[in-house]
Amino acid sequence: MLTLYRAAGWCCAPLTVQNMNITSDECCAFESPMLDHVLPPILILEFIFGLMGNVVALWMFVFHMDTWKPNSVYLAHLAVADSIVMFCLPFRADYYRRGKNWLYGDVPCRILLFLLAANRAAGIFFLTAVAVDRYLKIVHPLNRINRMGIRYALWVSLGLWVLIFLATGYLLASEHFYYSNNHTQCESFNICMGLSPLFTWHNTFYMTQFFLPSAIVAFCTFRITWQLRNRTMDKQGKIKRAVQFVLAVALIFIICFFPSTISRVAVWVLKVWYNECKYFQEANLAFYTSVCFTYFNSVLNPLVYYFSSPAFTGTFDKLLNKLLRRSDNNAQTQDSPESDISTIDGRKD
């Protein structure tokens, strides 16, 4: 089941037509009952686990990080972006639960779509920044960039945020409503036969921000892995940790960002051959299904932090040991008060 729209910029008004041939200024909107049932529970689970992981990560960054390095700065910014976007997922889940019907008005729709787009860009850019940082320190240890400290990393982070806002801020400037069967759809992506400048940029940036950083991460992974192969004395050292990190980053790129990018490429390829909505229904379904994997990066990122640096790993291990000691002490308190006193005294020594 689909409804056709006449697009005016980003906003579409209903259009009634008698056949499936549509002109260059019209958009397609599809009803997706399967998505309405499958996506809400997935989004809620991503919200729960992602929020827990990123709150713990932020807590560790703020209160328990003893040594700050450039890669810690980049990952802390990533954790902030992930924590903010987590609060968008319940609204997105409610939107699908209602059959793609947005009830919260124009401005919240713009903010939601902007935050989702900005988070995807932040996830890609900051993970790429850490991969490049690892590459420079392992493959080019004498490069002067490695001697630059936290201030340099803060400036790089600021530059990345400016780039993210410039690339996605246009989503705040116009309405993104599509009306279908008394439902108000809030979407930044729709399949339109025409090629308006903003529509073209939105799709171009969506794909470019994946393919270019992916090439950079692949290059860093290859060079760092090659460095580990050539240095037999450091198999258990920082190079091995760097390999683990960039491989984890590459895995996130493949799982979270690759499916939605490829499905969007498929839409563009279909537009070269067809101008009827019926040919795009499966591609549209594939895209919105794969977009859920994009949000999954906010769940996986806290796991990547563990491999980012010895400082973060050490901080996490210390915190885990403290929690385990406390749980052991609580168990001893319930069994024997005397054993608890001796344990506390032993820890004071």
Protein backbone atom coordinates (compact mmCIF):
# COMPACT_ATOMS: atom_id res chain seq x y z
CA MET A 1 0.00 0.00 0.00
CA LEU A 2 1.44 3.37 -0.95
CA THR A 3 0.41 6.98 -1.16
CA LEU A 4 1.78 9.53 -3.60
CA TYR A 5 2.74 13.10 -2.76
CA ARG A 6 3.60 16.26 -4.59
CA ALA A 7 6.80 17.58 -3.09
CA ALA A 8 7.41 21.24 -2.43
CA GLY A 9 10.99 21.38 -1.21
CA TRP A 10 10.93 19.00 1.76
CA CYS A 11 7.20 19.14 2.49
CA CYS A 12 4.69 17.13 0.59
CA ALA A 13 0.95 17.60 0.15
CA PRO A 14 -1.37 14.72 -0.82
CA LEU A 15 -1.82 14.08 -4.50
CA THR A 16 -4.45 11.80 -6.05
CA VAL A 17 -3.45 10.11 -9.29
CA GLN A 18 -5.04 7.41 -11.40
CA ASN A 19 -1.89 5.59 -12.52
CA MET A 20 1.53 4.73 -11.17
CA ASN A 21 3.48 7.10 -13.43
CA ILE A 22 4.55 10.12 -11.44
CA THR A 23 6.24 13.32 -12.38
CA SER A 24 9.62 14.61 -11.26
CA ASP A 25 8.31 16.62 -8.30
CA GLU A 26 6.44 13.80 -6.57
CA CYS A 27 7.41 11.56 -3.65
CA CYS A 28 6.37 8.09 -2.52
CA ALA A 29 5.32 7.16 1.00
CA PHE A 30 4.81 3.52 1.90
CA GLU A 31 2.88 1.89 4.69
CA SER A 32 5.06 -0.70 6.46
CA PRO A 33 3.06 -2.82 8.93
CA MET A 34 6.04 -5.11 9.52
CA LEU A 35 8.26 -2.21 10.57
CA ASP A 36 5.54 -0.90 12.87
CA HIS A 37 5.62 -4.18 14.79
CA VAL A 38 9.32 -5.07 14.63
CA LEU A 39 11.12 -1.77 15.13
CA PRO A 40 9.58 -0.46 18.42
CA PRO A 41 10.89 -3.28 20.66
CA ILE A 42 14.29 -3.16 18.94
CA LEU A 43 14.55 0.59 19.48
CA ILE A 44 13.54 0.28 23.13
CA LEU A 45 16.19 -2.39 23.73
CA GLU A 46 18.79 -0.19 22.04
CA PHE A 47 17.69 2.68 24.27
CA ILE A 48 18.00 0.65 27.49
CA PHE A 49 21.37 -0.97 26.82
CA GLY A 50 22.82 2.05 25.02
CA LEU A 51 21.87 4.44 27.82
CA MET A 52 23.31 2.14 30.48
CA GLY A 53 26.59 1.67 28.62
CA ASN A 54 27.10 5.33 27.77
CA VAL A 55 26.19 6.62 31.23
CA VAL A 56 28.77 4.25 32.73
CA ALA A 57 31.30 5.36 30.11
CA LEU A 58 30.69 9.05 30.83
CA TRP A 59 30.93 8.40 34.57
CA MET A 60 34.31 6.74 34.04
CA PHE A 61 35.53 9.52 31.76
CA VAL A 62 34.53 12.27 34.18
CA PHE A 63 35.33 10.76 37.59
CA HIS A 64 37.73 7.86 37.11
CA MET A 65 39.98 8.67 34.14
CA ASP A 66 43.47 9.21 35.57
CA THR A 67 45.30 9.89 32.30
CA TRP A 68 43.76 11.88 29.45
CA LYS A 69 45.10 11.45 25.93
CA PRO A 70 43.77 12.60 22.54
CA ASN A 71 41.96 9.32 21.91
CA SER A 72 40.23 9.66 25.31
CA VAL A 73 39.02 13.12 24.31
CA TYR A 74 37.56 11.85 21.02
CA LEU A 75 35.80 8.93 22.73
CA ALA A 76 34.42 11.16 25.48
CA HIS A 77 32.82 13.39 22.83
CA LEU A 78 31.43 10.27 21.16
CA ALA A 79 29.94 9.11 24.48
CA VAL A 80 28.24 12.51 24.90
CA ALA A 81 26.72 12.29 21.41
CA ASP A 82 25.53 8.73 22.02
CA SER A 83 24.00 9.61 25.40
CA ILE A 84 22.03 12.51 23.91
CA VAL A 85 20.69 10.56 20.95
CA MET A 86 19.54 7.71 23.21
CA PHE A 87 16.65 9.90 24.38
CA CYS A 88 15.44 10.15 20.76
CA LEU A 89 14.88 6.40 20.42
CA PRO A 90 11.74 6.14 22.62
CA PHE A 91 10.08 8.84 20.50
CA ARG A 92 11.08 6.98 17.35
CA ALA A 93 9.72 3.75 18.80
CA ASP A 94 6.43 5.46 19.65
CA TYR A 95 6.30 6.86 16.11
CA TYR A 96 6.52 3.39 14.57
CA ARG A 97 4.17 1.90 17.17
CA ARG A 98 1.49 4.32 15.96
CA GLY A 99 1.98 3.27 12.35
CA LYS A 100 4.44 6.06 11.43
CA ASN A 101 2.31 8.80 12.93
CA TRP A 102 4.17 11.71 14.55
CA LEU A 103 2.18 13.47 17.29
CA TYR A 104 4.70 15.92 18.76
CA GLY A 105 4.72 18.74 16.25
CA ASP A 106 7.04 20.29 13.72
CA VAL A 107 9.93 21.54 15.88
CA PRO A 108 10.44 18.28 17.82
CA CYS A 109 10.40 16.44 14.47
CA ARG A 110 13.17 18.65 13.12
CA ILE A 111 15.25 18.28 16.30
CA LEU A 112 14.82 14.51 16.35
CA LEU A 113 15.90 14.05 12.73
CA PHE A 114 18.83 16.42 13.22
CA LEU A 115 20.05 14.56 16.34
CA LEU A 116 19.78 11.19 14.61
CA ALA A 117 21.73 12.43 11.60
CA ALA A 118 24.32 14.22 13.76
CA ASN A 119 24.83 11.14 15.91
CA ARG A 120 25.53 8.97 12.88
CA ALA A 121 28.09 11.49 11.64
CA ALA A 122 29.63 11.84 15.12
CA GLY A 123 29.90 8.07 15.49
CA ILE A 124 31.72 7.77 12.19
CA PHE A 125 33.96 10.84 12.54
CA PHE A 126 35.13 10.34 16.12
CA LEU A 127 35.80 6.62 15.66
CA THR A 128 37.80 7.50 12.56
CA ALA A 129 39.71 10.16 14.52
CA VAL A 130 40.76 7.60 17.13
CA ALA A 131 41.76 5.10 14.44
CA VAL A 132 43.95 7.77 12.80
CA ASP A 133 45.42 8.67 16.21
CA ARG A 134 46.33 4.99 16.79
CA TYR A 135 47.79 4.76 13.29
CA LEU A 136 50.04 7.80 13.74
CA LYS A 137 51.34 6.65 17.13
CA ILE A 138 52.09 3.11 15.95
CA VAL A 139 53.20 3.53 12.34
CA HIS A 140 54.67 7.07 12.55
CA PRO A 141 55.74 7.45 16.20
CA LEU A 142 58.08 10.37 15.42
CA ASN A 143 55.42 12.48 13.69
CA ARG A 144 55.09 15.86 15.39
CA ILE A 145 51.31 15.42 15.67
CA ASN A 146 51.98 12.77 18.31
CA ARG A 147 53.63 15.40 20.49
CA MET A 148 50.52 17.54 20.52
CA GLY A 149 48.43 17.08 23.63
CA ILE A 150 44.92 17.51 24.90
CA ARG A 151 44.48 21.04 23.53
CA TYR A 152 45.12 19.77 20.00
CA ALA A 153 42.54 17.00 20.49
CA LEU A 154 40.00 19.52 21.77
CA TRP A 155 40.48 21.68 18.68
CA VAL A 156 40.09 18.65 16.43
CA SER A 157 36.90 17.72 18.29
CA LEU A 158 35.55 21.25 17.91
CA GLY A 159 36.32 21.14 14.20
CA LEU A 160 34.49 17.85 13.82
CA TRP A 161 31.42 19.21 15.63
CA VAL A 162 31.40 22.27 13.36
CA LEU A 163 31.61 20.01 10.32
CA ILE A 164 28.79 17.81 11.65
CA PHE A 165 26.54 20.81 12.25
CA LEU A 166 27.28 22.33 8.84
CA ALA A 167 26.54 19.00 7.16
CA THR A 168 23.33 18.17 9.04
CA GLY A 169 22.06 21.50 10.41
CA TYR A 170 19.83 22.07 7.37
CA LEU A 171 17.47 19.48 8.86
CA LEU A 172 16.50 22.14 11.41
CA ALA A 173 15.60 24.67 8.74
CA SER A 174 12.50 23.15 7.14
CA GLU A 175 9.52 20.91 7.76
CA HIS A 176 9.76 17.17 7.17
CA PHE A 177 6.11 16.13 7.32
CA TYR A 178 4.50 13.72 4.88
CA TYR A 179 0.75 13.09 5.18
CA SER A 180 -0.72 9.67 4.47
CA ASN A 181 -4.07 8.18 5.54
CA ASN A 182 -4.53 10.70 8.39
CA HIS A 183 -1.00 9.94 9.59
CA THR A 184 1.77 12.52 9.81
CA GLN A 185 5.07 10.97 8.83
CA CYS A 186 8.25 12.58 10.18
CA GLU A 187 11.02 11.54 7.79
CA SER A 188 14.24 13.06 6.51
CA PHE A 189 14.50 10.41 3.79
CA ASN A 190 11.79 9.87 1.24
CA ILE A 191 11.89 8.52 -2.28
CA CYS A 192 11.26 11.49 -4.58
CA MET A 193 11.58 11.42 -8.34
CA GLY A 194 12.98 14.92 -8.49
CA LEU A 195 16.46 15.97 -7.36
CA SER A 196 16.23 19.10 -5.24
CA PRO A 197 19.58 20.47 -3.99
CA LEU A 198 18.89 19.63 -0.33
CA PHE A 199 17.62 16.17 -1.18
CA THR A 200 20.74 15.51 -3.26
CA TRP A 201 23.06 16.79 -0.52
CA HIS A 202 21.26 14.76 2.15
CA ASN A 203 21.81 11.52 0.26
CA THR A 204 25.31 12.41 -0.95
CA PHE A 205 26.54 13.22 2.55
CA TYR A 206 24.86 10.13 3.96
CA MET A 207 26.92 7.92 1.65
CA THR A 208 30.14 9.96 1.57
CA GLN A 209 30.39 10.06 5.35
CA PHE A 210 30.52 6.27 5.30
CA PHE A 211 32.72 5.42 2.31
CA LEU A 212 35.52 7.95 2.92
CA PRO A 213 36.00 7.22 6.65
CA SER A 214 35.67 3.48 5.92
CA ALA A 215 38.57 3.74 3.48
CA ILE A 216 40.61 5.57 6.12
CA VAL A 217 39.81 2.99 8.81
CA ALA A 218 40.63 0.14 6.41
CA PHE A 219 43.97 1.76 5.60
CA CYS A 220 44.78 2.27 9.31
CA THR A 221 43.80 -1.32 10.09
CA PHE A 222 46.04 -2.70 7.35
CA ARG A 223 49.06 -0.60 8.31
CA ILE A 224 48.78 -1.25 12.04
CA THR A 225 48.30 -4.98 11.44
CA TRP A 226 51.33 -5.00 9.16
CA GLN A 227 53.33 -3.20 11.85
CA LEU A 228 52.37 -5.89 14.37
CA ARG A 229 53.52 -8.57 11.93
CA ASN A 230 56.93 -6.93 11.55
CA ARG A 231 57.49 -6.30 15.27
CA THR A 232 57.85 -9.67 16.92
CA MET A 233 58.83 -8.08 20.24
CA ASP A 234 55.51 -6.30 20.71
CA LYS A 235 52.98 -9.06 20.16
CA GLN A 236 51.40 -8.44 23.56
CA GLY A 237 51.99 -4.68 23.71
CA LYS A 238 50.40 -1.49 22.48
CA ILE A 239 50.45 -2.47 18.81
CA LYS A 240 48.34 -5.54 19.52
CA ARG A 241 45.91 -3.38 21.49
CA ALA A 242 45.77 -0.91 18.60
CA VAL A 243 44.97 -3.76 16.19
CA GLN A 244 42.15 -4.92 18.47
CA PHE A 245 40.77 -1.39 18.59
CA VAL A 246 40.79 -0.67 14.86
CA LEU A 247 39.31 -4.11 14.17
CA ALA A 248 36.51 -3.31 16.63
CA VAL A 249 35.96 0.02 14.84
CA ALA A 250 35.88 -1.75 11.47
CA LEU A 251 33.35 -4.23 12.84
CA ILE A 252 31.09 -1.37 13.97
CA PHE A 253 31.34 0.22 10.53
CA ILE A 254 30.31 -3.05 8.89
CA ILE A 255 27.48 -3.93 11.29
CA CYS A 256 26.02 -0.49 11.97
CA PHE A 257 26.70 1.76 8.99
CA PHE A 258 27.22 -0.48 5.96
CA PRO A 259 23.65 -1.92 5.59
CA SER A 260 21.82 1.43 5.54
CA THR A 261 24.39 2.95 3.19
CA ILE A 262 24.13 0.12 0.69
CA SER A 263 20.32 0.17 0.80
CA ARG A 264 20.41 3.92 0.11
CA VAL A 265 22.75 3.33 -2.83
CA ALA A 266 20.22 0.78 -4.13
CA VAL A 267 17.51 3.47 -4.09
CA TRP A 268 19.69 5.76 -6.21
CA VAL A 269 20.43 2.97 -8.68
CA LEU A 270 16.72 2.18 -9.01
CA LYS A 271 15.97 5.85 -9.68
CA VAL A 272 18.15 5.66 -12.78
CA TRP A 273 15.87 3.00 -14.26
CA TYR A 274 12.41 3.60 -12.80
CA ASN A 275 10.04 6.47 -12.01
CA GLU A 276 7.18 4.52 -10.44
CA CYS A 277 6.72 4.03 -6.71
CA LYS A 278 5.98 0.30 -6.93
CA TYR A 279 9.61 -0.43 -7.82
CA PHE A 280 10.90 1.18 -4.64
CA GLN A 281 8.81 -0.48 -1.96
CA GLU A 282 11.28 -3.26 -1.12
CA ALA A 283 14.25 -0.88 -1.20
CA ASN A 284 12.40 1.50 1.11
CA LEU A 285 11.66 -1.36 3.53
CA ALA A 286 15.31 -2.47 3.46
CA PHE A 287 16.53 1.06 4.18
CA TYR A 288 14.35 1.73 7.22
CA THR A 289 15.09 -1.74 8.59
CA SER A 290 18.84 -1.24 8.23
CA VAL A 291 18.67 2.23 9.81
CA CYS A 292 18.03 0.46 13.14
CA PHE A 293 21.54 -0.97 12.89
CA THR A 294 22.83 2.60 12.73
CA TYR A 295 21.40 3.31 16.19
CA PHE A 296 23.04 0.09 17.41
CA ASN A 297 26.44 1.79 17.18
CA SER A 298 25.57 3.70 20.35
CA VAL A 299 25.19 0.34 22.10
CA LEU A 300 28.47 -1.09 20.79
CA ASN A 301 30.63 2.02 21.28
CA PRO A 302 31.10 1.48 25.05
CA LEU A 303 32.57 -1.93 24.24
CA VAL A 304 35.06 -0.26 21.89
CA TYR A 305 36.22 2.07 24.66
CA TYR A 306 37.67 -0.92 26.49
CA PHE A 307 40.18 -1.48 23.68
CA SER A 308 40.90 2.22 23.15
CA SER A 309 43.79 2.66 25.60
CA PRO A 310 45.45 1.09 28.64
CA ALA A 311 44.20 4.07 30.68
CA PHE A 312 40.56 3.28 30.01
CA THR A 313 41.09 -0.47 30.39
CA GLY A 314 42.91 0.06 33.68
CA THR A 315 40.22 2.41 34.93
CA PHE A 316 37.49 -0.05 34.02
CA ASP A 317 39.34 -2.95 35.67
CA LYS A 318 39.87 -0.92 38.86
CA LEU A 319 36.20 0.02 38.99
CA LEU A 320 35.12 -3.57 38.35
CA ASN A 321 37.45 -4.85 41.08
CA LYS A 322 36.04 -2.33 43.53
CA LEU A 323 32.51 -3.40 42.74
CA LEU A 324 33.46 -7.06 43.10
CA ARG A 325 35.17 -6.39 46.44
CA ARG A 326 32.12 -4.57 47.71
CA SER A 327 29.84 -7.40 46.68
CA ASP A 328 32.19 -9.90 48.40
CA ASN A 329 32.27 -7.76 51.53
CA ASN A 330 28.48 -7.52 51.57
CA ALA A 331 28.25 -11.29 51.30
CA GLN A 332 30.74 -11.70 54.16
CA THR A 333 28.79 -9.21 56.26
CA GLN A 334 25.68 -11.33 55.95
CA ASP A 335 27.63 -14.50 56.88
CA SER A 336 29.98 -13.21 59.59
CA PRO A 337 30.45 -9.70 60.99
CA GLU A 338 33.94 -10.63 62.26
CA SER A 339 35.18 -11.59 58.81
CA ASP A 340 33.94 -8.24 57.51
CA ILE A 341 35.98 -6.34 60.13
CA SER A 342 39.15 -8.25 59.29
CA THR A 343 38.60 -7.61 55.56
CA ILE A 344 38.24 -3.87 56.09
CA ASP A 345 41.32 -3.76 58.26
CA GLY A 346 43.25 -5.68 55.63
CA ARG A 347 42.20 -3.17 52.97
CA LYS A 348 43.31 -0.25 55.13
CA ASP A 349 46.79 -1.73 55.36
